[in-house]
Protein backbone atom coordinates (compact mmCIF):
# COMPACT_ATOMS: atom_id res chain seq x y z
CA MET A 1 111.11 92.32 99.97
CA VAL A 2 109.05 91.99 96.84
CA HIS A 3 107.36 94.86 95.03
CA PRO A 4 105.36 94.40 91.81
CA ASN A 5 106.61 97.49 89.98
CA GLU A 6 110.32 98.17 89.94
CA GLN A 7 109.67 101.58 88.34
CA SER A 8 107.62 102.92 91.30
CA THR A 9 110.31 104.99 92.95
CA ALA A 10 108.62 108.41 93.17
CA ASP A 11 107.18 107.61 96.61
CA PRO A 12 109.62 105.98 99.05
CA ILE A 13 106.73 104.32 100.91
CA LEU A 14 105.96 101.12 99.01
CA PRO A 15 103.91 97.97 99.60
CA VAL A 16 106.29 95.05 100.07
CA LEU A 17 106.33 91.36 101.00
CA LEU A 18 108.88 89.66 103.18
CA ILE A 19 111.18 86.88 102.00
CA THR A 20 112.52 84.40 104.52
CA GLN A 21 114.78 81.37 104.41
CA GLY A 22 113.75 79.90 107.74
CA GLY A 23 110.74 78.25 109.27
CA ASP A 24 108.25 75.59 108.33
CA PHE A 25 105.94 77.13 105.75
CA VAL A 26 103.83 74.05 105.13
CA ARG A 27 101.29 75.54 107.55
CA TYR A 28 100.97 78.58 105.28
CA ASP A 29 100.09 76.37 102.34
CA GLY A 30 98.79 78.53 99.55
CA PHE A 31 100.22 81.83 100.79
CA ALA A 32 103.97 81.27 100.48
CA VAL A 33 105.72 81.30 97.09
CA PRO A 34 109.12 79.58 96.91
CA LEU A 35 111.91 81.27 94.98
CA SER A 36 113.85 78.04 94.51
CA GLY A 37 114.05 77.10 90.86
CA SER A 38 113.09 80.62 89.74
CA ARG A 39 116.59 81.64 88.59
CA ALA A 40 116.55 84.39 91.24
CA GLU A 41 119.76 85.04 93.16
CA THR A 42 117.70 85.62 96.31
CA GLN A 43 116.47 82.35 97.78
CA GLY A 44 113.74 81.58 100.26
CA VAL A 45 109.99 81.93 100.40
CA VAL A 46 107.86 85.01 99.66
CA LEU A 47 105.33 85.41 102.48
CA CYS A 48 102.22 86.61 100.64
CA TYR A 49 100.23 87.00 103.85
CA GLN A 50 102.78 89.53 105.22
CA LEU A 51 101.91 92.54 103.04
CA ARG A 52 103.28 95.76 104.57
CA THR A 53 104.22 99.28 103.62
CA VAL A 54 107.80 100.34 104.20
CA ASP A 55 109.60 103.67 103.84
CA LEU A 56 112.60 102.43 101.88
CA GLU A 57 114.56 105.66 102.34
CA ALA A 58 114.15 105.62 106.13
CA HIS A 59 115.26 101.99 106.33
CA GLY A 60 118.07 102.21 103.78
CA GLY A 61 116.30 99.81 101.41
CA LYS A 62 117.56 99.18 97.91
CA ARG A 63 116.62 97.16 94.86
CA VAL A 64 118.56 93.91 94.65
CA GLU A 65 117.03 92.08 91.69
CA ALA A 66 113.83 91.38 89.77
CA VAL A 67 112.08 88.05 90.14
CA PRO A 68 110.87 86.32 86.98
CA GLU A 69 107.44 87.42 85.75
CA MET A 70 105.91 84.00 86.49
CA VAL A 71 106.92 84.31 90.16
CA MET A 72 105.50 87.83 90.43
CA ASN A 73 102.24 86.74 88.79
CA ASP A 74 101.99 83.86 91.28
CA VAL A 75 102.59 86.23 94.21
CA LEU A 76 100.05 88.78 92.94
CA ALA A 77 97.40 86.08 92.44
CA ARG A 78 97.81 84.88 96.03
CA ILE A 79 97.62 88.43 97.41
CA GLN A 80 94.47 89.06 95.39
CA VAL A 81 92.80 86.10 97.12
CA LEU A 82 93.64 87.63 100.50
CA ILE A 83 92.29 91.11 99.77
CA GLU A 84 89.11 90.25 97.88
């Protein structure tokens, strides 16, 4: 999952995006951000069209790592297109 603010921990219910390593994401052209080449340990594709809210405490979620700022900016720009 991707969340834009790693400091937002006061509320366990956070907006997140899914990351997947499977599937053919060519059909989602423009709304999937690859993590390959980003120096992130987590690999796969961020699905920008799959914005959800998740109760991290209820699901046992935890922070794994931070993606580079350029990746997060790319993700946020694509989400902005979807919600405007």
